[in-house]
N, C-alpha and C. Protein backbone atom coordinates (compact mmCIF):
# COMPACT_ATOMS: atom_id res chain seq x y z
N SER A 1 210.73 45.32 21.72
CA SER A 1 210.50 45.27 20.50
C SER A 1 209.71 45.45 19.80
N ALA A 2 209.33 45.93 18.67
CA ALA A 2 208.11 45.70 17.93
C ALA A 2 209.01 43.81 17.03
N SER A 3 210.71 43.76 16.60
CA SER A 3 210.78 42.57 16.16
C SER A 3 210.62 41.67 17.39
N ASN A 4 210.06 41.17 17.97
CA ASN A 4 210.16 40.00 19.34
C ASN A 4 208.69 40.20 19.67
N GLY A 5 208.10 40.22 19.09
CA GLY A 5 206.54 40.58 19.59
C GLY A 5 205.67 41.79 20.55
N GLY A 6 206.86 42.31 21.34
CA GLY A 6 206.34 43.87 21.75
C GLY A 6 206.11 44.92 21.35
N SER A 7 205.17 45.72 21.95
CA SER A 7 204.53 46.38 21.31
C SER A 7 205.75 47.45 20.86
N THR A 8 205.03 49.09 19.86
CA THR A 8 206.22 50.36 19.61
C THR A 8 205.08 50.83 20.10
N GLY A 9 206.44 51.97 20.27
CA GLY A 9 206.06 53.08 21.37
C GLY A 9 205.83 54.49 19.53
N ALA A 10 205.53 56.06 20.20
CA ALA A 10 204.88 56.81 19.91
C ALA A 10 206.44 56.67 18.58
N ALA A 11 206.92 57.31 17.52
CA ALA A 11 207.28 58.02 16.62
C ALA A 11 208.57 56.65 16.71
N GLY A 12 208.21 54.54 16.32
CA GLY A 12 208.42 54.64 16.03
C GLY A 12 209.55 54.11 17.19
N SER A 13 209.16 54.97 18.39
CA SER A 13 210.23 53.95 19.00
C SER A 13 209.60 51.89 19.80
N SER A 14 211.03 52.42 19.97
CA SER A 14 211.89 50.70 20.40
C SER A 14 211.72 50.78 21.95
N SER A 15 211.29 51.14 22.72
CA SER A 15 211.33 51.84 24.27
C SER A 15 209.92 51.39 24.45
N THR A 16 209.91 49.74 25.71
CA THR A 16 208.55 49.43 26.12
C THR A 16 208.85 50.21 28.06
N TYR A 17 207.84 49.90 28.73
CA TYR A 17 208.00 50.16 30.43
C TYR A 17 206.60 49.77 30.35
N THR A 18 206.62 49.24 31.84
CA THR A 18 205.88 48.36 32.38
C THR A 18 204.52 48.82 34.00
N VAL A 19 203.36 49.09 33.77
CA VAL A 19 202.99 49.01 34.88
C VAL A 19 202.53 48.48 36.02
N LEU A 20 203.34 48.53 37.01
CA LEU A 20 202.77 47.59 38.14
C LEU A 20 201.09 47.58 38.49
N TYR A 21 200.69 48.53 38.67
CA TYR A 21 199.07 48.94 39.25
C TYR A 21 198.58 49.96 38.15
N SER A 22 197.04 49.79 38.39
CA SER A 22 196.43 50.51 37.24
C SER A 22 196.47 52.21 37.16
N ARG A 23 197.20 52.30 38.88
CA ARG A 23 197.11 53.98 39.08
C ARG A 23 198.25 54.16 39.76
N GLN A 24 198.39 55.22 40.04
CA GLN A 24 199.75 55.97 41.34
C GLN A 24 199.31 55.67 41.93
N PRO A 25 199.28 55.65 43.68
CA PRO A 25 198.44 55.47 45.07
C PRO A 25 197.99 57.26 45.22
N ALA A 26 196.77 56.85 46.37
CA ALA A 26 196.14 57.71 46.47
C ALA A 26 197.21 58.54 47.71
N THR A 27 197.72 57.39 48.28
CA THR A 27 198.50 58.00 49.79
C THR A 27 199.30 56.67 49.35
N LEU A 28 200.22 57.06 51.01
CA LEU A 28 200.61 55.74 51.63
C LEU A 28 200.45 55.83 52.68
N ASN A 29 199.24 56.58 52.95
CA ASN A 29 198.82 56.69 54.95
C ASN A 29 197.72 55.54 55.06
N TYR A 30 198.50 53.91 55.67
CA TYR A 30 197.50 52.64 55.52
C TYR A 30 196.77 52.67 55.89
N LEU A 31 196.36 53.76 57.11
CA LEU A 31 195.79 53.58 58.40
C LEU A 31 194.23 54.06 57.79
N VAL A 32 194.24 55.47 56.34
CA VAL A 32 193.32 55.99 56.03
C VAL A 32 192.97 55.54 55.02
N CYS A 33 193.42 54.09 54.06
CA CYS A 33 193.02 54.82 52.62
C CYS A 33 192.19 53.38 52.48
N SER A 34 191.42 52.71 51.23
CA SER A 34 190.91 51.27 51.47
C SER A 34 190.71 51.00 49.83
N ALA A 35 191.15 51.81 48.71
CA ALA A 35 191.75 51.67 47.28
C ALA A 35 192.52 51.00 47.07
N ASP A 36 191.87 49.41 45.94
CA ASP A 36 193.49 48.83 45.96
C ASP A 36 194.98 49.20 46.30
N PRO A 37 194.83 50.26 45.14
CA PRO A 37 196.07 50.83 44.93
C PRO A 37 197.00 51.46 45.82
N ASP A 38 196.31 51.61 47.03
CA ASP A 38 197.37 52.46 48.60
C ASP A 38 196.98 51.41 49.47
N LEU A 39 196.87 49.71 48.74
CA LEU A 39 196.76 49.03 50.06
C LEU A 39 197.78 48.71 49.71
N TYR A 40 198.64 48.27 48.73
CA TYR A 40 199.17 47.48 48.27
C TYR A 40 200.76 47.70 50.02
N HIS A 41 200.48 48.56 49.35
CA HIS A 41 202.05 49.38 50.26
C HIS A 41 201.93 48.83 51.57
N GLY A 42 201.62 49.64 52.33
CA GLY A 42 200.81 49.16 53.53
C GLY A 42 200.62 47.64 53.79
N THR A 43 200.54 46.37 52.77
CA THR A 43 200.23 45.67 53.09
C THR A 43 201.58 44.55 52.56
N GLN A 44 202.45 45.42 52.05
CA GLN A 44 204.12 44.30 52.04
C GLN A 44 204.96 44.82 52.32
N CYS A 45 204.61 46.62 53.64
CA CYS A 45 205.96 46.84 54.56
C CYS A 45 205.03 46.86 55.53
N ILE A 46 204.54 46.37 56.42
CA ILE A 46 203.74 46.11 57.86
C ILE A 46 203.27 45.13 58.52
N ASP A 47 204.18 44.35 59.52
CA ASP A 47 203.45 43.54 59.37
C ASP A 47 202.07 43.20 60.54
N THR A 48 201.22 42.22 60.42
CA THR A 48 199.78 41.86 61.73
C THR A 48 200.09 40.94 62.24
N LEU A 49 199.14 41.03 62.96
CA LEU A 49 199.31 40.19 64.21
C LEU A 49 198.83 39.16 63.96
N VAL A 50 197.94 38.16 62.65
CA VAL A 50 198.18 37.02 61.89
C VAL A 50 198.48 37.21 60.74
N GLU A 51 198.40 36.23 60.09
CA GLU A 51 198.11 36.15 58.81
C GLU A 51 198.27 35.39 58.19
N TYR A 52 197.81 34.90 56.86
CA TYR A 52 197.52 33.57 56.28
C TYR A 52 198.78 33.46 55.98
N ASP A 53 198.15 31.34 55.98
CA ASP A 53 199.84 30.47 55.56
C ASP A 53 199.31 30.10 53.67
N ASN A 54 199.68 29.59 53.11
CA ASN A 54 199.41 29.01 51.25
C ASN A 54 198.19 28.82 51.30
N ARG A 55 198.14 27.96 52.50
CA ARG A 55 196.34 26.91 52.49
C ARG A 55 194.82 28.20 53.31
N GLY A 56 195.72 28.78 53.01
CA GLY A 56 194.27 30.34 53.52
C GLY A 56 193.35 29.80 55.07
N LYS A 57 194.78 28.79 55.77
CA LYS A 57 195.19 29.05 57.57
C LYS A 57 195.55 29.98 57.94
N ILE A 58 194.79 31.03 59.06
CA ILE A 58 195.56 31.54 60.06
C ILE A 58 196.47 31.46 60.71
N ARG A 59 197.64 32.14 60.78
CA ARG A 59 198.78 31.20 61.40
C ARG A 59 199.59 32.96 62.29
N GLU A 60 200.65 32.28 62.52
CA GLU A 60 201.02 33.91 64.17
C GLU A 60 201.63 34.70 62.79
N GLY A 61 200.90 36.26 63.54
CA GLY A 61 202.68 37.47 62.78
C GLY A 61 202.72 37.55 63.82
N LEU A 62 202.93 39.53 63.74
CA LEU A 62 203.73 40.30 65.45
C LEU A 62 203.44 39.78 66.62
N ALA A 63 201.96 38.64 66.46
CA ALA A 63 201.43 37.61 67.77
C ALA A 63 202.01 36.34 68.09
N THR A 64 202.32 35.38 68.33
CA THR A 64 203.10 33.86 68.57
C THR A 64 201.93 33.09 69.28
N ALA A 65 201.02 34.45 70.39
CA ALA A 65 199.65 33.08 70.68
C ALA A 65 199.27 33.92 70.68
N TRP A 66 197.40 33.93 70.90
CA TRP A 66 195.87 34.30 71.73
C TRP A 66 195.44 33.72 71.66
N GLU A 67 194.04 34.66 73.46
CA GLU A 67 192.74 33.76 74.06
C GLU A 67 191.71 34.43 73.41
N TRP A 68 191.06 33.45 73.82
CA TRP A 68 189.49 34.95 73.21
C TRP A 68 188.59 34.47 74.81
N ASP A 69 187.68 35.22 75.83
CA ASP A 69 187.81 34.68 76.67
C ASP A 69 185.58 35.22 76.11
N ALA A 70 185.47 34.55 75.86
CA ALA A 70 183.45 34.58 75.50
C ALA A 70 182.55 35.67 76.96
N ASP A 71 182.94 35.07 78.17
CA ASP A 71 182.66 36.31 78.92
C ASP A 71 182.96 38.01 78.88
N SER A 72 183.88 37.72 78.42
CA SER A 72 183.57 39.32 78.83
C SER A 72 184.21 39.72 76.92
N LEU A 73 183.83 38.76 75.98
CA LEU A 73 183.86 39.40 74.82
C LEU A 73 185.79 39.92 74.75
N THR A 74 186.93 39.57 74.99
CA THR A 74 188.15 39.83 75.25
C THR A 74 189.06 39.18 74.02
N TRP A 75 189.93 39.87 73.27
CA TRP A 75 190.49 38.33 73.23
C TRP A 75 192.26 39.59 73.50
N THR A 76 192.10 38.28 73.18
CA THR A 76 194.56 38.66 74.51
C THR A 76 195.58 38.54 72.94
N PHE A 77 196.36 39.17 72.27
CA PHE A 77 197.64 38.59 71.86
C PHE A 77 198.51 39.34 72.73
N HIS A 78 199.50 37.72 72.77
CA HIS A 78 201.32 38.17 73.09
C HIS A 78 201.90 38.63 72.35
N LEU A 79 202.87 39.65 72.04
CA LEU A 79 203.44 39.58 71.22
C LEU A 79 205.00 39.47 70.51
N ARG A 80 205.88 39.14 69.09
CA ARG A 80 207.31 38.36 69.71
C ARG A 80 208.15 40.10 69.65
N ASP A 81 208.70 39.93 69.69
CA ASP A 81 209.88 40.54 69.84
C ASP A 81 210.20 41.32 67.94
N GLU A 82 210.15 42.25 68.37
CA GLU A 82 210.21 42.79 66.96
C GLU A 82 210.40 44.38 66.68
N ASN A 83 210.38 44.44 65.51
CA ASN A 83 211.84 45.83 66.45
C ASN A 83 210.85 46.56 64.43
N TRP A 84 210.58 47.84 64.56
CA TRP A 84 209.95 49.35 63.57
C TRP A 84 211.45 49.37 63.01
N VAL A 85 211.73 49.87 61.45
CA VAL A 85 212.78 50.22 61.15
C VAL A 85 212.74 51.01 60.33
N ASP A 86 213.64 51.92 60.02
CA ASP A 86 212.98 52.48 58.10
C ASP A 86 213.57 52.41 56.88
N CYS A 87 213.10 53.11 55.77
CA CYS A 87 213.47 52.46 54.68
C CYS A 87 215.25 52.16 54.60
N ASN A 88 215.75 52.29 55.62
CA ASN A 88 217.12 51.88 55.09
C ASN A 88 217.42 50.50 55.95
N GLY A 89 216.35 50.15 56.67
CA GLY A 89 217.05 49.16 57.46
C GLY A 89 217.61 48.50 58.98
N GLU A 90 217.37 50.79 58.93
CA GLU A 90 217.58 51.09 60.42
C GLU A 90 216.97 50.89 61.30
N VAL A 91 217.38 49.59 62.50
CA VAL A 91 216.09 49.92 63.59
C VAL A 91 216.02 51.01 64.03
N VAL A 92 214.83 51.61 64.23
CA VAL A 92 214.12 52.71 65.09
C VAL A 92 214.09 52.98 66.04
N ALA A 93 212.72 51.64 66.56
CA ALA A 93 212.47 51.50 68.05
C ALA A 93 212.11 50.16 68.49
N PRO A 94 211.12 49.71 69.39
CA PRO A 94 210.61 48.11 69.56
C PRO A 94 209.25 48.30 69.03
N VAL A 95 208.76 47.37 69.14
CA VAL A 95 206.90 46.55 68.08
C VAL A 95 206.34 46.54 69.71
N THR A 96 205.56 47.28 70.47
CA THR A 96 204.80 47.33 71.27
C THR A 96 203.40 47.57 71.37
N ALA A 97 202.50 46.53 72.08
CA ALA A 97 201.12 46.41 72.26
C ALA A 97 200.93 48.08 72.07
N GLN A 98 201.16 48.78 72.83
CA GLN A 98 200.60 50.07 72.71
C GLN A 98 200.92 51.03 71.20
N ASP A 99 201.61 50.55 69.87
CA ASP A 99 201.41 51.20 68.83
C ASP A 99 200.09 50.44 67.75
N PHE A 100 199.72 49.77 68.34
CA PHE A 100 198.42 48.50 67.76
C PHE A 100 197.17 49.60 68.80
N VAL A 101 197.40 50.07 69.57
CA VAL A 101 196.30 51.75 70.68
C VAL A 101 197.09 52.49 70.13
N ASP A 102 197.68 53.12 69.91
CA ASP A 102 198.21 54.38 68.69
C ASP A 102 197.35 54.70 67.46
N ALA A 103 197.48 53.08 66.65
CA ALA A 103 197.14 53.35 65.76
C ALA A 103 194.97 53.16 65.30
N LEU A 104 194.80 52.51 66.08
CA LEU A 104 193.69 52.14 66.21
C LEU A 104 192.59 54.03 66.64
N LYS A 105 193.28 55.11 67.90
CA LYS A 105 193.26 55.90 67.58
C LYS A 105 193.54 57.07 66.79
N TYR A 106 194.69 56.87 65.62
CA TYR A 106 194.37 56.76 64.86
C TYR A 106 193.10 56.96 63.81
N VAL A 107 192.70 55.68 63.57
CA VAL A 107 191.72 55.94 62.97
C VAL A 107 190.21 57.24 63.66
N LEU A 108 190.27 56.37 64.54
CA LEU A 108 189.22 56.53 64.92
C LEU A 108 188.87 58.55 65.64
N THR A 109 189.83 58.91 64.75
CA THR A 109 189.61 60.46 64.82
C THR A 109 189.61 61.23 63.43
N PRO A 110 187.94 61.72 63.67
CA PRO A 110 187.10 62.40 62.41
C PRO A 110 188.19 63.11 61.32
N ASP A 111 189.46 63.65 61.81
CA ASP A 111 189.98 64.96 61.37
C ASP A 111 190.90 63.89 60.14
N TYR A 112 191.22 62.84 60.55
CA TYR A 112 192.40 62.02 59.33
C TYR A 112 191.35 61.54 58.06
N ALA A 113 190.51 61.74 58.38
CA ALA A 113 189.01 61.21 57.90
C ALA A 113 189.13 59.40 57.14
N SER A 114 189.69 58.24 58.21
CA SER A 114 189.87 57.32 57.38
C SER A 114 189.32 56.66 56.87
N SER A 115 189.23 56.26 56.02
CA SER A 115 187.95 55.23 55.48
C SER A 115 187.59 53.76 55.09
N SER A 116 188.14 53.59 56.06
CA SER A 116 188.03 51.81 56.83
C SER A 116 187.61 52.30 58.08
N VAL A 117 187.76 53.42 58.56
CA VAL A 117 187.21 53.71 60.42
C VAL A 117 185.34 52.35 60.48
N ASP A 118 184.69 52.36 59.92
CA ASP A 118 183.67 50.86 59.65
C ASP A 118 184.13 49.48 60.19
N LEU A 119 185.61 49.55 59.64
CA LEU A 119 185.85 48.47 60.34
C LEU A 119 186.17 48.62 61.83
N VAL A 120 186.35 49.18 62.38
CA VAL A 120 186.76 49.42 64.22
C VAL A 120 185.41 49.69 64.58
N THR A 121 184.73 50.80 64.01
CA THR A 121 184.10 50.98 64.76
C THR A 121 182.66 49.95 65.09
N SER A 122 182.18 48.85 63.77
CA SER A 122 181.56 48.31 63.87
C SER A 122 181.66 46.75 64.49
N TYR A 123 182.85 46.84 65.29
CA TYR A 123 183.24 45.97 66.05
C TYR A 123 183.62 45.87 67.69
N ILE A 124 184.17 47.20 67.73
CA ILE A 124 185.41 47.22 68.45
C ILE A 124 184.63 47.79 69.75
N ALA A 125 184.20 47.51 70.93
CA ALA A 125 183.38 48.41 71.82
C ALA A 125 183.67 49.82 72.13
N GLY A 126 182.78 50.40 71.94
CA GLY A 126 182.71 51.61 72.68
C GLY A 126 183.75 52.24 71.29
N ALA A 127 183.65 51.98 70.21
CA ALA A 127 184.37 52.56 68.84
C ALA A 127 183.88 53.90 68.63
N ASP A 128 182.20 53.18 68.39
CA ASP A 128 181.15 54.04 67.78
C ASP A 128 180.94 55.55 68.30
N ASP A 129 180.85 55.32 69.75
CA ASP A 129 180.50 56.11 70.71
C ASP A 129 181.72 57.20 70.63
N TYR A 130 182.88 56.72 70.61
CA TYR A 130 183.47 58.06 70.21
C TYR A 130 184.71 58.17 69.79
N TYR A 131 184.31 57.32 68.48
CA TYR A 131 183.98 57.87 67.16
C TYR A 131 182.69 59.31 66.85
N ASN A 132 181.74 59.18 67.56
CA ASN A 132 180.15 59.79 67.17
C ASN A 132 180.00 60.91 67.88
N TYR A 133 181.01 61.03 68.69
CA TYR A 133 181.19 61.76 70.20
C TYR A 133 181.85 62.84 69.15
N TYR A 134 183.06 63.45 68.39
CA TYR A 134 184.31 63.31 68.10
C TYR A 134 183.44 64.03 66.76
N VAL A 135 183.09 62.88 65.62
CA VAL A 135 182.19 63.46 64.35
C VAL A 135 180.86 65.15 65.04
N TYR A 136 180.20 64.91 65.74
CA TYR A 136 179.30 65.71 66.53
C TYR A 136 179.88 67.18 67.17
N LEU A 137 181.27 66.52 67.76
CA LEU A 137 181.54 67.48 68.25
C LEU A 137 182.49 68.55 67.26
N ALA A 138 183.49 67.56 66.13
CA ALA A 138 183.68 69.19 64.80
C ALA A 138 182.16 69.76 64.46
N ASN A 139 181.11 69.07 64.34
CA ASN A 139 180.28 70.06 63.52
C ASN A 139 179.48 70.56 64.34
N ALA A 140 179.30 70.33 65.84
CA ALA A 140 179.52 72.05 66.59
C ALA A 140 179.76 72.63 66.28
N ASN A 141 181.90 72.82 66.84
CA ASN A 141 182.55 73.89 66.47
C ASN A 141 182.15 73.97 65.38
N GLY A 142 181.70 73.48 64.18
CA GLY A 142 182.01 74.13 62.76
C GLY A 142 180.66 75.21 62.53
N GLY A 143 180.35 75.03 63.65
CA GLY A 143 178.21 75.59 63.35
C GLY A 143 177.37 74.94 61.92
N ILE A 144 177.52 73.46 61.60
CA ILE A 144 177.35 72.76 60.64
C ILE A 144 175.98 72.23 60.92
N VAL A 145 175.56 72.99 59.75
CA VAL A 145 173.88 72.33 59.70
C VAL A 145 173.32 71.11 58.49
N ASP A 146 172.51 70.26 59.62
CA ASP A 146 172.69 69.58 58.23
C ASP A 146 171.39 69.59 56.93
N ASP A 147 171.42 68.77 55.76
CA ASP A 147 170.40 69.45 54.98
C ASP A 147 168.95 68.77 55.57
N ASP A 148 169.24 68.21 56.60
CA ASP A 148 167.40 68.05 57.08
C ASP A 148 167.04 69.14 58.39
N GLY A 149 167.97 69.70 58.85
CA GLY A 149 167.99 71.02 59.46
C GLY A 149 168.43 70.78 60.74
N THR A 150 169.01 69.38 60.90
CA THR A 150 169.96 69.00 62.37
C THR A 150 171.12 69.84 62.54
N THR A 151 171.37 70.23 63.74
CA THR A 151 171.55 71.52 63.97
C THR A 151 172.65 70.82 64.91
N TYR A 152 173.20 71.44 65.33
CA TYR A 152 175.31 70.45 66.81
C TYR A 152 176.03 71.99 67.48
N THR A 153 175.65 71.69 68.73
CA THR A 153 175.88 72.65 69.96
C THR A 153 176.48 71.95 70.44
N VAL A 154 177.01 72.43 71.92
CA VAL A 154 178.17 71.72 72.87
C VAL A 154 178.04 73.18 73.92
N ASP A 155 177.75 73.04 74.96
CA ASP A 155 178.28 73.51 76.41
C ASP A 155 180.03 73.55 77.10
N ALA A 156 179.85 73.85 77.95
CA ALA A 156 181.85 74.38 78.25
C ALA A 156 182.04 72.90 78.87
N SER A 157 180.77 72.12 79.40
CA SER A 157 181.67 70.64 79.37
C SER A 157 181.62 69.91 78.81
N GLY A 158 181.44 70.25 77.48
CA GLY A 158 181.90 69.17 76.52
C GLY A 158 180.00 68.50 75.58
N VAL A 159 179.27 68.53 76.51
CA VAL A 159 178.61 67.55 76.53
C VAL A 159 178.01 68.30 75.27
N VAL A 160 177.57 67.53 74.28
CA VAL A 160 176.61 68.11 72.25
C VAL A 160 175.33 67.53 72.49
N THR A 161 174.75 68.67 71.52
CA THR A 161 173.31 68.64 72.16
C THR A 161 173.10 68.12 70.44
N VAL A 162 172.85 67.54 69.75
CA VAL A 162 172.14 66.98 68.23
C VAL A 162 170.68 67.71 68.44
N ALA A 163 169.96 68.30 67.76
CA ALA A 163 168.98 68.53 67.25
C ALA A 163 168.20 68.18 66.35
N GLY A 164 166.90 67.46 65.54
CA GLY A 164 166.94 67.15 64.36
C GLY A 164 165.33 66.96 64.47
N PRO A 165 164.90 66.85 63.29
CA PRO A 165 163.75 66.03 63.08
C PRO A 165 162.79 65.28 63.81
N ASP A 166 163.14 64.50 64.17
CA ASP A 166 162.85 63.64 65.30
C ASP A 166 163.48 63.81 66.45
N GLY A 167 163.90 64.79 67.03
CA GLY A 167 164.04 64.90 68.10
C GLY A 167 165.61 66.02 69.18
N THR A 168 165.40 65.55 70.15
CA THR A 168 167.15 66.57 70.43
C THR A 168 167.82 65.18 71.52
N THR A 169 168.63 64.60 70.50
CA THR A 169 170.30 63.65 72.03
C THR A 169 171.35 64.64 72.41
N THR A 170 171.24 63.74 73.94
CA THR A 170 172.97 65.03 74.39
C THR A 170 173.59 63.22 74.31
N TYR A 171 175.42 63.54 74.19
CA TYR A 171 176.21 63.07 73.63
C TYR A 171 177.51 63.70 74.72
N ALA A 172 177.51 62.75 76.10
CA ALA A 172 178.45 63.05 76.67
C ALA A 172 179.86 62.99 76.33
N PRO A 173 181.18 63.82 77.09
CA PRO A 173 182.31 63.55 76.31
C PRO A 173 182.50 62.29 76.47
N VAL A 174 183.49 60.98 76.09
CA VAL A 174 183.78 59.60 75.64
C VAL A 174 185.32 59.80 75.64
N ASP A 175 186.31 58.83 76.19
CA ASP A 175 187.74 59.09 76.72
C ASP A 175 188.44 57.96 76.03
N PHE A 176 188.69 57.92 74.89
CA PHE A 176 189.51 57.31 74.48
C PHE A 176 189.66 55.56 75.25
N GLU A 177 189.71 56.30 77.02
CA GLU A 177 189.83 54.99 77.35
C GLU A 177 188.52 53.33 77.87
N ASP A 178 188.09 54.35 77.10
CA ASP A 178 186.85 53.46 77.03
C ASP A 178 186.30 52.59 76.28
N VAL A 179 187.17 52.95 75.01
CA VAL A 179 187.84 52.03 73.69
C VAL A 179 188.51 50.51 73.91
N GLY A 180 187.55 49.55 73.17
CA GLY A 180 187.97 48.53 73.89
C GLY A 180 188.95 48.02 73.18
N VAL A 181 190.81 49.41 73.15
CA VAL A 181 191.80 48.10 73.10
C VAL A 181 192.06 49.12 73.85
N HIS A 182 193.42 47.97 74.35
CA HIS A 182 194.37 48.20 75.04
C HIS A 182 195.87 47.91 75.68
N ALA A 183 197.18 48.67 76.32
CA ALA A 183 198.11 47.55 75.95
C ALA A 183 198.11 47.15 77.51
N VAL A 184 198.62 46.19 77.88
CA VAL A 184 198.12 45.50 79.39
C VAL A 184 200.17 45.62 79.55
N ASP A 185 200.71 45.37 78.89
CA ASP A 185 202.48 45.80 79.00
C ASP A 185 202.76 45.54 77.91
N GLU A 186 204.13 46.04 77.05
CA GLU A 186 205.32 46.23 76.33
C GLU A 186 204.67 44.84 75.33
N HIS A 187 203.61 43.67 75.45
CA HIS A 187 203.86 42.41 74.53
C HIS A 187 202.11 42.11 74.77
N THR A 188 201.86 42.67 75.40
CA THR A 188 199.76 41.99 76.12
C THR A 188 199.13 43.44 74.92
N LEU A 189 198.29 42.96 74.92
CA LEU A 189 197.33 43.54 74.14
C LEU A 189 196.22 42.52 74.35
N THR A 190 194.73 43.89 73.86
CA THR A 190 193.42 42.88 74.19
C THR A 190 192.54 43.78 73.34
N TYR A 191 192.19 43.56 73.03
CA TYR A 191 190.36 43.98 71.88
C TYR A 191 189.29 43.67 71.98
N THR A 192 188.49 44.12 73.27
CA THR A 192 186.71 44.37 73.51
C THR A 192 185.97 44.42 72.44
N LEU A 193 185.11 43.19 71.92
CA LEU A 193 184.26 43.25 71.40
C LEU A 193 182.67 43.63 71.74
N THR A 194 182.04 43.91 69.95
CA THR A 194 181.00 44.76 71.02
C THR A 194 180.18 43.51 71.45
N TYR A 195 180.09 42.59 70.18
CA TYR A 195 179.42 40.66 70.39
C TYR A 195 180.32 40.05 69.73
N ASP A 196 180.09 38.65 69.99
CA ASP A 196 181.08 37.23 69.93
C ASP A 196 181.35 37.75 67.89
N PHE A 197 182.63 38.47 66.91
CA PHE A 197 181.92 37.96 65.43
C PHE A 197 182.52 37.00 65.53
N PRO A 198 183.14 35.94 65.16
CA PRO A 198 183.50 34.32 64.74
C PRO A 198 184.46 35.08 63.28
N GLY A 199 184.69 36.27 62.67
CA GLY A 199 185.43 36.85 61.69
C GLY A 199 186.58 38.15 61.78
N PHE A 200 186.61 37.84 63.76
CA PHE A 200 187.89 38.28 64.62
C PHE A 200 189.14 38.32 63.11
N LEU A 201 189.30 37.53 64.02
CA LEU A 201 191.10 37.18 63.49
C LEU A 201 191.36 37.36 62.34
N SER A 202 190.14 37.54 61.19
CA SER A 202 190.53 37.54 59.85
C SER A 202 190.76 39.15 59.68
N LEU A 203 189.61 39.56 60.55
CA LEU A 203 189.36 40.59 60.14
C LEU A 203 191.31 41.49 60.72
N LEU A 204 191.79 41.40 61.10
CA LEU A 204 193.35 41.96 61.32
C LEU A 204 194.39 41.84 60.34
N CYS A 205 193.74 41.07 59.24
CA CYS A 205 194.74 41.47 58.33
C CYS A 205 194.67 42.59 57.84
N TYR A 206 193.23 43.49 58.31
CA TYR A 206 193.09 44.68 57.33
C TYR A 206 194.06 45.92 58.75
N LEU A 207 194.15 46.53 56.71
CA LEU A 207 195.15 48.57 57.81
C LEU A 207 194.79 48.51 59.10
N PRO A 208 193.78 48.80 58.76
CA PRO A 208 193.23 49.55 60.21
C PRO A 208 193.82 48.69 61.56
N TYR A 209 194.37 47.11 61.66
CA TYR A 209 194.14 46.99 63.30
C TYR A 209 195.98 46.32 62.95
N GLU A 210 196.51 47.56 61.79
CA GLU A 210 197.87 47.31 61.22
C GLU A 210 198.54 48.01 62.71
N PRO A 211 199.57 48.34 63.16
CA PRO A 211 200.68 48.84 64.34
C PRO A 211 201.21 50.38 63.26
N ALA A 212 200.77 51.74 64.48
CA ALA A 212 201.62 52.34 64.59
C ALA A 212 202.89 53.23 64.87
N TYR A 213 204.00 53.87 64.52
CA TYR A 213 204.22 54.03 65.32
C TYR A 213 204.23 55.48 65.99
N GLY A 214 203.61 56.04 67.61
CA GLY A 214 203.56 57.03 67.17
C GLY A 214 204.14 57.90 68.11
N PRO A 215 205.17 57.81 68.08
CA PRO A 215 205.93 58.99 67.69
C PRO A 215 206.26 59.38 66.47
């Protein structure tokens, strides 16, 4: 109230209110958002493979251990036993390695228009080819013509032809199995990178690398 240093509302009202964020979130879907007000909810509700301690050092999250193989550019993560719970805290299902695979497949599906897809396509082997193929396929099915005259067509076998000012390129169908994320078993997950990226562990703290309950 005004009497103790607070602000006074309209028409002399002594009611006050507090705004936690600058605006309401546009979505609670943490796999597609990138704006700060949309990120907070996924960050607070969904755990990550690794996390930072109060001194800025990476420590265990959903993963209890991990290894890096420089020859194959592959990270292997071993998951702890954990559960998905609903809004009442009731257990829904165990968290498995497949949940991370399902999440990345969702992010790489153009129909869902994830604004953080570049955090995946830039680093995960095969992700860029997979995503681009389905973008071109959607363009072909939708009869899209770019501003520069580029056209997209698809034949019966699924091969997409992109014809533009610089020439013509064909793109064969890409299977998600070719993307560098795999569930070895329920508690073992691997990511294969396009190159040796030193910051990959910190990248795992971003939303597109959080798990999602596929069912």
